[in-house]
Amino acid sequence: MLCLQPVESECDYVGASMKSKFYRGANRLTLLSGILVFGFIFFSPIPSGAQTSKSSPATFSYSCCTASAVNTVYHPGAVMTLKWSQSTYPPNNYARSMVTLSASISGPFQTVASLKKAFARSHPQLGVVNSKALTIRLSDQKSAHPVSLIQVPADAGKGWYQLTTTVKEGSTTVSGGSAIRIAP
């Protein structure tokens, strides 16, 4: 009869070497279990920042403009309506930041090629007629549908104008440009 009990009992006739092997195996198993528990506790992913029952809000980014705003022929004295497009991103653990949206026009230029040449420089050569929308400031964690309005000056000459839009989020600034046409 073979008896492998961890405590001494009526199985005392099992040899001492058999008992020591059993106890050695049990100690190894206990040690291995302890290492596994330690690893799961101390090396499992820990979420950064304090977690609350509410998740952080989504973040929002903006870009401008729709094709209809760029493809429209504007007239002196008209008001350009630029609708900013919103993009939604999943919640993150970054601090809230302010978003600044701005838009302006500059011209006239006789051709699109001359407009591109003037604005391709590191210091763009602005046209003689310039107008800009009021700057919009909003949070990146609140949904909004901003609209910029640019008054085309009454004395704006016919030709091509550079529409420049700028989005500043935190320390990042992205600008873009499009050629628009103004005709009397």
Protein backbone atom coordinates (compact mmCIF):
# COMPACT_ATOMS: atom_id res chain seq x y z
CA MET A 1 0.00 0.00 0.00
CA LEU A 2 1.31 3.41 -1.01
CA CYS A 3 0.31 6.42 1.06
CA LEU A 4 1.15 10.01 0.07
CA GLN A 5 -0.41 12.16 2.77
CA PRO A 6 1.28 15.39 3.85
CA VAL A 7 0.82 14.64 7.54
CA GLU A 8 2.02 11.63 9.40
CA SER A 9 -0.67 9.00 9.86
CA GLU A 10 -0.96 5.25 9.85
CA CYS A 11 1.04 5.27 6.63
CA ASP A 12 4.31 5.58 8.60
CA TYR A 13 5.63 2.50 6.92
CA VAL A 14 6.21 4.54 3.67
CA GLY A 15 9.90 5.13 3.51
CA ALA A 16 11.46 8.45 4.50
CA SER A 17 12.70 9.07 0.95
CA MET A 18 9.13 8.82 -0.37
CA LYS A 19 7.89 11.37 2.21
CA SER A 20 10.67 13.84 1.43
CA LYS A 21 9.95 13.65 -2.33
CA PHE A 22 6.27 14.35 -1.65
CA TYR A 23 6.99 17.33 0.58
CA ARG A 24 9.58 18.70 -1.87
CA GLY A 25 6.98 18.52 -4.71
CA ALA A 26 4.36 20.21 -2.55
CA ASN A 27 6.79 23.04 -1.68
CA ARG A 28 7.64 23.56 -5.36
CA LEU A 29 3.94 23.70 -6.21
CA THR A 30 3.33 26.28 -3.45
CA LEU A 31 6.30 28.36 -4.64
CA LEU A 32 5.11 28.24 -8.26
CA SER A 33 1.58 29.26 -7.24
CA GLY A 34 2.98 32.19 -5.28
CA ILE A 35 5.05 33.38 -8.25
CA LEU A 36 2.02 33.21 -10.55
CA VAL A 37 -0.19 35.18 -8.14
CA PHE A 38 2.58 37.78 -7.68
CA GLY A 39 2.93 38.10 -11.46
CA PHE A 40 -0.79 38.57 -12.05
CA ILE A 41 -1.06 41.21 -9.33
CA PHE A 42 2.04 43.25 -10.09
CA PHE A 43 2.47 42.83 -13.84
CA SER A 44 -1.10 43.07 -15.10
CA PRO A 45 -1.96 46.24 -17.02
CA ILE A 46 -2.81 49.12 -14.74
CA PRO A 47 -4.98 51.88 -16.21
CA SER A 48 -3.29 55.27 -16.24
CA GLY A 49 -4.93 58.03 -14.26
CA ALA A 50 -7.64 57.71 -11.70
CA GLN A 51 -10.61 55.81 -12.99
CA THR A 52 -14.09 56.94 -12.10
CA SER A 53 -17.43 55.41 -12.89
CA LYS A 54 -17.87 57.87 -15.79
CA SER A 55 -15.79 57.43 -18.93
CA SER A 56 -14.01 60.44 -20.37
CA PRO A 57 -15.90 62.22 -23.14
CA ALA A 58 -15.13 61.75 -26.81
CA THR A 59 -12.88 64.32 -28.45
CA PHE A 60 -13.70 66.36 -31.52
CA SER A 61 -11.63 67.78 -34.34
CA TYR A 62 -12.64 70.10 -37.17
CA SER A 63 -11.85 70.71 -40.83
CA CYS A 64 -13.15 73.12 -43.43
CA CYS A 65 -14.89 73.32 -45.92
CA THR A 66 -17.42 71.60 -48.11
CA ALA A 67 -16.93 71.58 -51.86
CA SER A 68 -19.96 73.83 -52.33
CA ALA A 69 -18.28 76.60 -50.34
CA VAL A 70 -15.21 76.43 -52.56
CA ASN A 71 -17.02 75.96 -55.89
CA THR A 72 -19.40 78.91 -55.40
CA VAL A 73 -18.72 82.14 -57.29
CA TYR A 74 -18.99 84.98 -54.77
CA HIS A 75 -19.84 88.63 -55.43
CA PRO A 76 -18.50 91.82 -53.82
CA GLY A 77 -20.48 92.58 -50.65
CA ALA A 78 -21.61 88.93 -50.22
CA VAL A 79 -21.12 86.90 -47.06
CA MET A 80 -19.27 83.59 -47.37
CA THR A 81 -20.67 80.89 -45.06
CA LEU A 82 -18.08 78.26 -44.16
CA LYS A 83 -19.42 75.22 -42.28
CA TRP A 84 -16.73 73.36 -40.36
CA SER A 85 -16.93 69.55 -40.48
CA GLN A 86 -16.67 67.71 -37.18
CA SER A 87 -14.79 64.42 -36.65
CA THR A 88 -15.37 62.39 -33.49
CA TYR A 89 -12.66 60.33 -31.81
CA PRO A 90 -12.97 57.78 -28.98
CA PRO A 91 -12.40 58.90 -25.40
CA ASN A 92 -8.77 59.24 -24.34
CA ASN A 93 -6.81 60.12 -21.24
CA TYR A 94 -5.36 63.35 -22.60
CA ALA A 95 -6.09 66.67 -21.02
CA ARG A 96 -8.80 68.81 -22.55
CA SER A 97 -7.53 71.37 -25.04
CA MET A 98 -8.96 74.37 -26.82
CA VAL A 99 -9.58 74.38 -30.56
CA THR A 100 -9.19 77.62 -32.50
CA LEU A 101 -10.73 77.92 -35.97
CA SER A 102 -9.94 80.80 -38.32
CA ALA A 103 -10.60 81.63 -41.97
CA SER A 104 -9.61 84.45 -44.32
CA ILE A 105 -9.52 85.44 -47.98
CA SER A 106 -6.85 87.35 -49.91
CA GLY A 107 -6.77 88.49 -53.53
CA PRO A 108 -7.48 89.22 -56.28
CA PHE A 109 -5.18 87.26 -58.54
CA GLN A 110 -5.68 87.08 -62.31
CA THR A 111 -5.14 83.31 -62.53
CA VAL A 112 -5.05 80.31 -60.19
CA ALA A 113 -1.39 79.85 -61.19
CA SER A 114 -0.48 83.37 -60.02
CA LEU A 115 -2.39 82.79 -56.77
CA LYS A 116 -0.51 79.51 -56.13
CA LYS A 117 2.82 81.18 -56.91
CA ALA A 118 2.11 83.99 -54.41
CA PHE A 119 1.12 81.58 -51.62
CA ALA A 120 3.80 78.92 -52.28
CA ARG A 121 6.46 81.07 -50.64
CA SER A 122 7.52 80.77 -47.01
CA HIS A 123 6.16 84.32 -46.58
CA PRO A 124 3.04 84.46 -48.78
CA GLN A 125 2.44 87.56 -50.85
CA LEU A 126 -1.08 88.63 -49.90
CA GLY A 127 -3.44 90.30 -52.32
CA VAL A 128 -4.59 93.90 -51.99
CA VAL A 129 -8.04 92.89 -50.68
CA ASN A 130 -8.15 90.88 -47.45
CA SER A 131 -10.97 89.86 -45.16
CA LYS A 132 -11.28 87.41 -42.29
CA ALA A 133 -13.93 85.72 -40.18
CA LEU A 134 -14.15 86.09 -36.44
CA THR A 135 -11.96 83.51 -34.69
CA ILE A 136 -13.91 80.64 -33.13
CA ARG A 137 -12.66 79.05 -29.88
CA LEU A 138 -14.16 75.88 -28.45
CA SER A 139 -13.33 72.80 -26.38
CA ASP A 140 -12.22 69.57 -28.06
CA GLN A 141 -14.55 67.68 -25.69
CA LYS A 142 -17.82 69.39 -26.60
CA SER A 143 -19.65 68.65 -29.81
CA ALA A 144 -20.27 71.75 -31.93
CA HIS A 145 -21.15 72.69 -35.49
CA PRO A 146 -19.24 75.94 -35.97
CA VAL A 147 -19.79 78.30 -38.89
CA SER A 148 -17.41 81.05 -40.01
CA LEU A 149 -18.71 84.07 -41.88
CA ILE A 150 -16.42 86.12 -44.13
CA GLN A 151 -17.68 89.41 -45.51
CA VAL A 152 -16.44 89.85 -49.07
CA PRO A 153 -15.49 93.54 -49.25
CA ALA A 154 -17.74 95.69 -51.45
CA ASP A 155 -14.65 96.89 -53.32
CA ALA A 156 -13.33 93.38 -53.99
CA GLY A 157 -12.08 93.12 -57.55
CA LYS A 158 -12.89 90.21 -59.79
CA GLY A 159 -10.49 87.32 -59.89
CA TRP A 160 -9.18 84.44 -57.79
CA TYR A 161 -8.81 84.67 -54.01
CA GLN A 162 -6.96 82.46 -51.57
CA LEU A 163 -9.26 81.01 -48.92
CA THR A 164 -7.05 80.07 -45.98
CA THR A 165 -8.40 78.01 -43.07
CA THR A 166 -6.50 77.21 -39.89
CA VAL A 167 -7.23 74.74 -37.09
CA LYS A 168 -5.17 75.00 -33.91
CA GLU A 169 -5.59 72.20 -31.35
CA GLY A 170 -3.32 72.46 -28.32
CA SER A 171 0.19 72.90 -29.71
CA THR A 172 -0.67 71.64 -33.22
CA THR A 173 -1.64 73.99 -36.06
CA VAL A 174 -2.89 72.82 -39.47
CA SER A 175 -3.64 75.23 -42.31
CA GLY A 176 -5.13 74.68 -45.73
CA GLY A 177 -5.98 76.76 -48.73
CA SER A 178 -8.34 76.76 -51.67
CA ALA A 179 -8.80 79.02 -54.65
CA ILE A 180 -12.21 80.72 -54.80
CA ARG A 181 -13.59 83.07 -57.42
CA ILE A 182 -15.15 86.49 -56.97
CA ALA A 183 -16.93 88.11 -59.88
CA PRO A 184 -19.10 91.26 -60.06
